[in-house]
Amino acid sequence: MTLVEMGIPALRSRRPSLDGRPDTPYLVDKFGRTARDLRVSITEKCSLRCTYCMPEEGLPPIPRDELLTTDEIVRLVELAVRELGVHEVRFTGGEPLLRRDLEQIIAGCHARVPETPLAMTTNGVGLEHRARGLAAAGLHRVNVSLDTVDRQGFAKLTRRDRLDSVLAGIRAAHAVGLAPVKVNAVLMRETLPGAADLLQWCLAEGCELRFIEEMPLDADHEWARANMVTAADLLDVLSARFTLTPAGRADPSAPAEKWLVDEGPGTVGIIATVTRKFCDTCDRTRLTADGMLRSCLFSDEEYDLRQALRSGADDGELAAIWRGAMWNKWAGHGIDAEGFVPPERTMGAIGG
């Protein structure tokens, strides 16, 4: 099986160009942006099979010896914070709860960079059993992916009947202080009629709900711009039940636009990744589970930190690769451009 057949691009490099880059330790690019938010995928495995993310049979497994180890992840996170100016770290997957050493990863990073917020994006399945241990290890907060609170709709979309476990996981996160608990919902035609019910549930449970426009990162490559649910579609549905007042963005680089619900204090966010793109303020850098740097979700160019690590590179060399990768970041995803081609890796293989 080739790299591309596994959803892994063949375009890889260890030595990105630093030509013209200013003399700064931070992760700057040619368009004036600085990456401060690190997303670390720690596995390609997932306990659900959401249609917009995973193929029904799951992703081809990454060989165990190609996954970053606990120590390698901790070293790279410390490097990103200490040397490159990263302010926040989020662990993703696949599903990070499927890493048995997740608590060790969190604890190791917390010990090395104790002032840095550590977050996790999870589908919530099994979180009820590990929330306390993760909080004790140093995890600060969680985002839980939940697209509907309708059991049949959940089972159809995720191909698994695990809604009860997800809801229990959200409540467990609240109970141990992993706050705020944010809920991420991808906008889909089949779940749009229940969007107001999901918002009502989140308001009652004290969760911050954020709807996300579906991006062309699905494993089945069925995404079509003409068929996607837009932020405008969602606002029409929600406005039929709630009074929504625009509240803007607290942070210009934050992806979610917020609305007060029925004059507050509850809010709902919308991440309009396609129709109201925010590429010009993007502040993210990404590390895949197999140790590849990605400057953008939609770029297939990757830079191999794993090989550099295992070849004995010191922190200065690793930092130079990382700075070069971000210096060469694209201006934007180009979804609306003629000839747009989705990346080889799907969302599940890149990390949220």
Protein backbone atom coordinates (compact mmCIF):
# COMPACT_ATOMS: atom_id res chain seq x y z
CA MET A 1 0.00 0.00 0.00
CA THR A 2 1.39 3.44 -0.95
CA LEU A 3 1.42 6.52 1.25
CA VAL A 4 -1.29 8.17 -0.84
CA GLU A 5 -3.53 5.08 -0.66
CA MET A 6 -3.27 5.35 3.14
CA GLY A 7 -4.32 8.99 2.97
CA ILE A 8 -0.77 10.14 3.66
CA PRO A 9 0.81 12.49 1.11
CA ALA A 10 4.07 11.51 -0.54
CA LEU A 11 5.27 15.14 -0.57
CA ARG A 12 7.53 15.23 2.47
CA SER A 13 10.63 17.18 3.30
CA ARG A 14 12.97 17.66 6.25
CA ARG A 15 14.44 20.97 5.11
CA PRO A 16 11.98 23.80 4.41
CA SER A 17 13.43 27.00 2.99
CA LEU A 18 14.17 29.87 5.35
CA ASP A 19 14.97 32.35 2.55
CA GLY A 20 13.84 35.86 3.44
CA ARG A 21 12.65 34.92 6.92
CA PRO A 22 13.15 37.62 9.60
CA ASP A 23 15.37 36.90 12.58
CA THR A 24 12.76 35.96 15.17
CA PRO A 25 12.28 32.81 17.26
CA TYR A 26 8.54 32.80 16.66
CA LEU A 27 6.54 30.88 14.05
CA VAL A 28 5.95 33.70 11.59
CA ASP A 29 4.89 33.33 7.96
CA LYS A 30 5.16 35.47 4.82
CA PHE A 31 1.67 36.92 5.33
CA GLY A 32 2.25 38.48 8.74
CA ARG A 33 0.70 35.73 10.86
CA THR A 34 2.28 34.12 13.93
CA ALA A 35 1.36 30.57 14.97
CA ARG A 36 0.77 30.28 18.72
CA ASP A 37 -1.78 27.45 18.86
CA LEU A 38 -0.35 23.93 18.53
CA ARG A 39 -2.59 20.99 17.57
CA VAL A 40 -1.00 17.60 18.32
CA SER A 41 -2.65 14.51 16.87
CA ILE A 42 -1.63 11.45 18.89
CA THR A 43 -3.45 8.65 17.02
CA GLU A 44 -5.33 7.94 13.80
CA LYS A 45 -7.65 5.47 15.55
CA CYS A 46 -11.20 6.41 16.51
CA SER A 47 -14.07 4.76 18.35
CA LEU A 48 -16.67 6.36 16.04
CA ARG A 49 -17.03 6.49 12.25
CA CYS A 50 -18.50 9.93 11.59
CA THR A 51 -19.41 10.19 7.91
CA TYR A 52 -17.71 13.59 7.46
CA CYS A 53 -14.42 12.34 8.89
CA MET A 54 -13.83 8.57 8.82
CA PRO A 55 -14.45 5.77 6.31
CA GLU A 56 -16.76 3.06 7.63
CA GLU A 57 -13.86 0.62 8.08
CA GLY A 58 -11.65 3.23 9.79
CA LEU A 59 -8.31 4.58 8.63
CA PRO A 60 -5.41 2.28 7.79
CA PRO A 61 -3.37 1.91 10.97
CA ILE A 62 -0.11 3.77 11.34
CA PRO A 63 2.61 1.23 12.22
CA ARG A 64 3.36 1.41 15.93
CA ASP A 65 7.01 2.29 15.38
CA GLU A 66 5.99 5.29 13.25
CA LEU A 67 3.84 6.88 15.95
CA LEU A 68 5.46 9.51 18.10
CA THR A 69 6.21 8.12 21.56
CA THR A 70 5.21 9.74 24.84
CA ASP A 71 8.70 11.16 25.32
CA GLU A 72 8.88 12.48 21.75
CA ILE A 73 5.55 14.27 22.09
CA VAL A 74 6.58 15.82 25.39
CA ARG A 75 9.90 16.98 23.95
CA LEU A 76 8.25 18.62 20.92
CA VAL A 77 5.58 20.31 23.01
CA GLU A 78 8.22 21.75 25.32
CA LEU A 79 10.24 22.94 22.33
CA ALA A 80 7.18 24.62 20.81
CA VAL A 81 6.44 26.50 24.02
CA ARG A 82 9.97 27.31 25.20
CA GLU A 83 11.58 28.18 21.88
CA LEU A 84 8.83 28.94 19.35
CA GLY A 85 6.27 31.02 21.22
CA VAL A 86 3.36 28.57 21.34
CA HIS A 87 0.78 29.66 23.95
CA GLU A 88 -1.73 26.81 23.87
CA VAL A 89 -1.58 23.08 23.13
CA ARG A 90 -4.49 20.88 22.11
CA PHE A 91 -4.34 17.08 21.78
CA THR A 92 -6.45 15.53 19.04
CA GLY A 93 -6.82 12.33 17.02
CA GLY A 94 -8.43 10.30 15.64
CA GLU A 95 -9.63 9.87 19.18
CA PRO A 96 -6.99 10.70 21.79
CA LEU A 97 -8.71 8.56 24.45
CA LEU A 98 -7.57 5.51 22.47
CA ARG A 99 -3.96 6.22 23.49
CA ARG A 100 -3.38 4.22 26.68
CA ASP A 101 -0.56 6.57 27.60
CA LEU A 102 -2.71 9.71 27.28
CA GLU A 103 -2.43 10.52 30.98
CA GLN A 104 1.36 10.13 30.76
CA ILE A 105 1.49 12.46 27.75
CA ILE A 106 -0.57 15.09 29.58
CA ALA A 107 1.42 14.75 32.80
CA GLY A 108 4.75 14.95 30.97
CA CYS A 109 3.76 18.09 29.09
CA HIS A 110 2.29 19.69 32.20
CA ALA A 111 5.51 19.05 34.11
CA ARG A 112 7.65 20.64 31.38
CA VAL A 113 5.39 23.63 30.57
CA PRO A 114 3.18 24.03 33.65
CA GLU A 115 1.93 27.52 32.72
CA THR A 116 0.64 26.47 29.29
CA PRO A 117 -3.05 25.52 28.93
CA LEU A 118 -3.45 21.91 27.79
CA ALA A 119 -6.69 21.02 26.04
CA MET A 120 -8.12 18.00 24.24
CA THR A 121 -10.64 17.45 21.48
CA THR A 122 -12.50 14.18 21.97
CA ASN A 123 -15.66 12.40 20.89
CA GLY A 124 -16.36 11.75 24.58
CA VAL A 125 -16.76 7.98 24.33
CA GLY A 126 -15.23 6.61 27.54
CA LEU A 127 -14.36 10.04 28.92
CA GLU A 128 -16.48 9.38 32.00
CA HIS A 129 -13.93 6.75 33.10
CA ARG A 130 -10.83 8.89 32.56
CA ALA A 131 -11.85 12.50 33.16
CA ARG A 132 -10.65 12.53 36.77
CA GLY A 133 -7.27 11.03 35.91
CA LEU A 134 -6.78 13.44 33.00
CA ALA A 135 -7.60 16.44 35.18
CA ALA A 136 -5.15 15.20 37.81
CA ALA A 137 -2.47 14.82 35.11
CA GLY A 138 -2.82 18.48 34.14
CA LEU A 139 -5.47 18.67 31.42
CA HIS A 140 -7.29 22.01 31.63
CA ARG A 141 -10.32 21.66 29.35
CA VAL A 142 -12.01 19.59 26.67
CA ASN A 143 -13.91 20.10 23.44
CA VAL A 144 -16.37 17.28 22.79
CA SER A 145 -17.60 16.51 19.29
CA LEU A 146 -21.39 16.06 19.37
CA ASP A 147 -23.54 16.76 16.34
CA THR A 148 -26.98 15.80 17.66
CA VAL A 149 -28.73 14.72 20.84
CA ASP A 150 -31.14 12.56 18.86
CA ARG A 151 -30.10 8.96 19.48
CA GLN A 152 -31.11 7.59 16.09
CA GLY A 153 -29.54 10.52 14.30
CA PHE A 154 -26.35 10.11 16.31
CA ALA A 155 -26.12 6.40 15.48
CA LYS A 156 -26.66 7.06 11.78
CA LEU A 157 -24.09 9.83 11.56
CA THR A 158 -21.39 8.13 13.65
CA ARG A 159 -22.24 4.52 12.67
CA ARG A 160 -22.16 3.72 16.39
CA ASP A 161 -24.87 3.79 19.11
CA ARG A 162 -22.77 5.56 21.78
CA LEU A 163 -24.72 8.74 22.54
CA ASP A 164 -25.23 7.81 26.21
CA SER A 165 -21.47 7.44 26.70
CA VAL A 166 -20.79 10.84 25.11
CA LEU A 167 -23.34 12.60 27.31
CA ALA A 168 -21.91 10.87 30.39
CA GLY A 169 -18.42 11.97 29.36
CA ILE A 170 -19.51 15.60 29.07
CA ARG A 171 -21.04 15.51 32.54
CA ALA A 172 -17.93 13.84 33.96
CA ALA A 173 -15.75 16.59 32.47
CA HIS A 174 -17.89 19.20 34.21
CA ALA A 175 -17.73 17.28 37.47
CA VAL A 176 -13.92 17.26 37.62
CA GLY A 177 -13.50 20.89 36.56
CA LEU A 178 -12.40 20.54 32.94
CA ALA A 179 -13.93 23.89 32.15
CA PRO A 180 -15.19 25.36 30.01
CA VAL A 181 -16.61 22.29 28.29
CA LYS A 182 -17.12 23.17 24.64
CA VAL A 183 -19.24 21.12 22.26
CA ASN A 184 -18.33 21.07 18.56
CA ALA A 185 -21.07 20.20 16.04
CA VAL A 186 -20.44 19.84 12.32
CA LEU A 187 -23.26 21.25 10.23
CA MET A 188 -24.94 18.50 8.18
CA ARG A 189 -28.25 18.43 6.30
CA GLU A 190 -29.46 15.45 8.31
CA THR A 191 -28.82 17.09 11.69
CA LEU A 192 -29.79 20.69 10.87
CA PRO A 193 -33.46 20.20 11.96
CA GLY A 194 -32.21 19.22 15.43
CA ALA A 195 -29.72 22.09 15.79
CA ALA A 196 -32.01 24.07 18.11
CA ASP A 197 -32.50 20.98 20.32
CA LEU A 198 -28.72 20.60 20.60
CA LEU A 199 -28.35 24.26 21.55
CA GLN A 200 -31.10 23.92 24.17
CA TRP A 201 -29.35 20.88 25.65
CA CYS A 202 -25.99 22.65 25.79
CA LEU A 203 -27.48 25.71 27.47
CA ALA A 204 -29.11 23.49 30.10
CA GLU A 205 -25.86 21.58 30.70
CA GLY A 206 -23.64 24.65 30.84
CA CYS A 207 -21.70 23.81 27.67
CA GLU A 208 -20.41 26.27 25.08
CA LEU A 209 -21.77 25.09 21.72
CA ARG A 210 -19.94 25.85 18.48
CA PHE A 211 -21.28 24.82 15.09
CA ILE A 212 -18.71 24.23 12.34
CA GLU A 213 -19.27 24.37 8.59
CA GLU A 214 -18.34 21.04 7.01
CA MET A 215 -15.02 21.13 5.16
CA PRO A 216 -13.83 18.94 2.27
CA LEU A 217 -11.85 16.64 4.56
CA ASP A 218 -14.16 13.60 4.50
CA ALA A 219 -12.70 10.18 3.78
CA ASP A 220 -15.36 9.33 1.20
CA HIS A 221 -14.72 12.54 -0.79
CA GLU A 222 -18.43 13.29 -1.10
CA TRP A 223 -18.24 16.92 0.05
CA ALA A 224 -19.73 19.41 -2.40
CA ARG A 225 -19.84 23.18 -1.92
CA ALA A 226 -23.38 23.33 -3.26
CA ASN A 227 -24.68 20.79 -0.73
CA MET A 228 -23.07 22.05 2.47
CA VAL A 229 -25.02 23.70 5.29
CA THR A 230 -23.87 27.30 5.71
CA ALA A 231 -23.72 29.57 8.73
CA ALA A 232 -26.63 31.52 7.22
CA ASP A 233 -28.72 28.33 7.00
CA LEU A 234 -28.04 27.59 10.66
CA LEU A 235 -28.89 31.10 11.83
CA ASP A 236 -32.26 30.84 10.10
CA VAL A 237 -33.02 27.59 11.95
CA LEU A 238 -31.84 28.79 15.36
CA SER A 239 -33.60 32.15 15.04
CA ALA A 240 -36.93 30.39 14.76
CA ARG A 241 -36.61 29.40 18.45
CA PHE A 242 -34.06 31.77 19.99
CA THR A 243 -33.27 35.48 19.89
CA LEU A 244 -29.67 35.78 18.71
CA THR A 245 -27.61 38.93 19.20
CA PRO A 246 -24.18 39.19 17.49
CA ALA A 247 -21.34 39.27 20.02
CA GLY A 248 -18.37 39.12 17.61
CA ARG A 249 -15.02 37.59 18.55
CA ALA A 250 -13.24 38.19 21.84
CA ASP A 251 -9.94 37.35 20.12
CA PRO A 252 -9.39 38.30 16.44
CA SER A 253 -7.66 34.94 15.82
CA ALA A 254 -10.50 32.92 17.39
CA PRO A 255 -12.34 30.95 14.70
CA ALA A 256 -15.83 31.22 16.21
CA GLU A 257 -18.16 34.18 15.78
CA LYS A 258 -20.43 34.35 18.82
CA TRP A 259 -24.08 35.21 19.38
CA LEU A 260 -25.83 35.84 22.68
CA VAL A 261 -28.81 33.54 23.06
CA ASP A 262 -31.99 35.18 24.37
CA GLU A 263 -29.90 38.11 25.63
CA GLY A 264 -27.42 35.85 27.44
CA PRO A 265 -25.49 34.88 29.36
CA GLY A 266 -25.55 31.76 27.18
CA THR A 267 -23.89 31.97 23.78
CA VAL A 268 -23.56 29.97 20.60
CA GLY A 269 -20.57 30.10 18.27
CA ILE A 270 -20.36 29.46 14.54
CA ILE A 271 -17.09 28.57 12.84
CA ALA A 272 -17.79 29.43 9.21
CA THR A 273 -14.67 27.81 7.78
CA VAL A 274 -15.93 27.98 4.20
CA THR A 275 -18.34 30.88 3.76
CA ARG A 276 -16.65 33.33 6.16
CA LYS A 277 -13.10 32.05 6.08
CA PHE A 278 -10.59 33.38 8.60
CA CYS A 279 -7.32 32.22 7.02
CA ASP A 280 -5.82 35.69 7.29
CA THR A 281 -5.85 35.44 11.10
CA CYS A 282 -4.99 31.74 11.44
CA ASP A 283 -2.56 31.12 14.30
CA ARG A 284 -2.27 27.30 14.22
CA THR A 285 0.53 24.88 13.65
CA ARG A 286 -0.11 21.13 13.46
CA LEU A 287 1.79 17.97 14.33
CA THR A 288 0.44 14.64 13.07
CA ALA A 289 0.50 11.38 15.01
CA ASP A 290 3.38 10.12 12.86
CA GLY A 291 5.47 13.23 13.51
CA MET A 292 4.84 15.38 10.44
CA LEU A 293 4.53 19.16 10.61
CA ARG A 294 1.63 20.69 8.69
CA SER A 295 1.23 24.44 8.36
CA CYS A 296 -2.33 24.22 7.03
CA LEU A 297 -5.16 21.66 7.05
CA PHE A 298 -5.33 21.84 3.27
CA SER A 299 -1.66 21.70 2.33
CA ASP A 300 -0.21 18.30 1.46
CA GLU A 301 3.33 19.51 2.09
CA GLU A 302 4.66 18.00 5.30
CA TYR A 303 7.96 18.27 7.16
CA ASP A 304 9.33 15.21 8.89
CA LEU A 305 10.15 15.91 12.52
CA ARG A 306 10.06 12.23 13.49
CA GLN A 307 12.98 11.35 11.24
CA ALA A 308 14.92 14.35 12.47
CA LEU A 309 14.23 13.42 16.10
CA ARG A 310 15.32 9.84 15.63
CA SER A 311 18.41 10.86 13.68
CA GLY A 312 19.71 12.76 16.69
CA ALA A 313 18.71 16.33 15.80
CA ASP A 314 19.17 18.79 18.63
CA ASP A 315 16.51 21.31 19.64
CA GLY A 316 18.05 24.02 17.48
CA GLU A 317 17.75 21.89 14.35
CA LEU A 318 14.19 20.84 15.18
CA ALA A 319 13.23 24.47 15.79
CA ALA A 320 14.74 25.51 12.45
CA ILE A 321 12.63 22.90 10.61
CA TRP A 322 9.51 24.07 12.42
CA ARG A 323 10.19 27.74 11.70
CA GLY A 324 10.79 26.97 8.05
CA ALA A 325 7.58 24.96 7.77
CA MET A 326 5.53 27.86 9.07
CA TRP A 327 7.43 30.47 7.05
CA ASN A 328 6.23 28.65 3.92
CA LYS A 329 2.58 28.49 5.00
CA TRP A 330 -0.10 29.13 2.37
CA ALA A 331 -2.15 32.33 2.32
CA GLY A 332 -5.39 30.33 2.65
CA HIS A 333 -7.18 27.07 1.97
CA GLY A 334 -8.53 28.12 -1.46
CA ILE A 335 -11.75 26.09 -1.24
CA ASP A 336 -13.55 28.51 -3.55
CA ALA A 337 -10.71 28.67 -6.06
CA GLU A 338 -11.07 27.05 -9.47
CA GLY A 339 -9.25 23.73 -9.52
CA PHE A 340 -9.28 23.30 -5.74
CA VAL A 341 -8.11 19.82 -4.74
CA PRO A 342 -8.75 18.48 -1.20
CA PRO A 343 -5.71 17.23 0.72
CA GLU A 344 -4.78 13.55 0.66
CA ARG A 345 -5.08 13.24 4.43
CA THR A 346 -8.59 13.39 5.83
CA MET A 347 -9.50 15.21 9.03
CA GLY A 348 -9.13 12.01 11.05
CA ALA A 349 -5.58 11.54 9.79
CA ILE A 350 -4.55 15.17 10.32
CA GLY A 351 -6.13 15.96 13.67
CA GLY A 352 -8.82 18.51 14.52
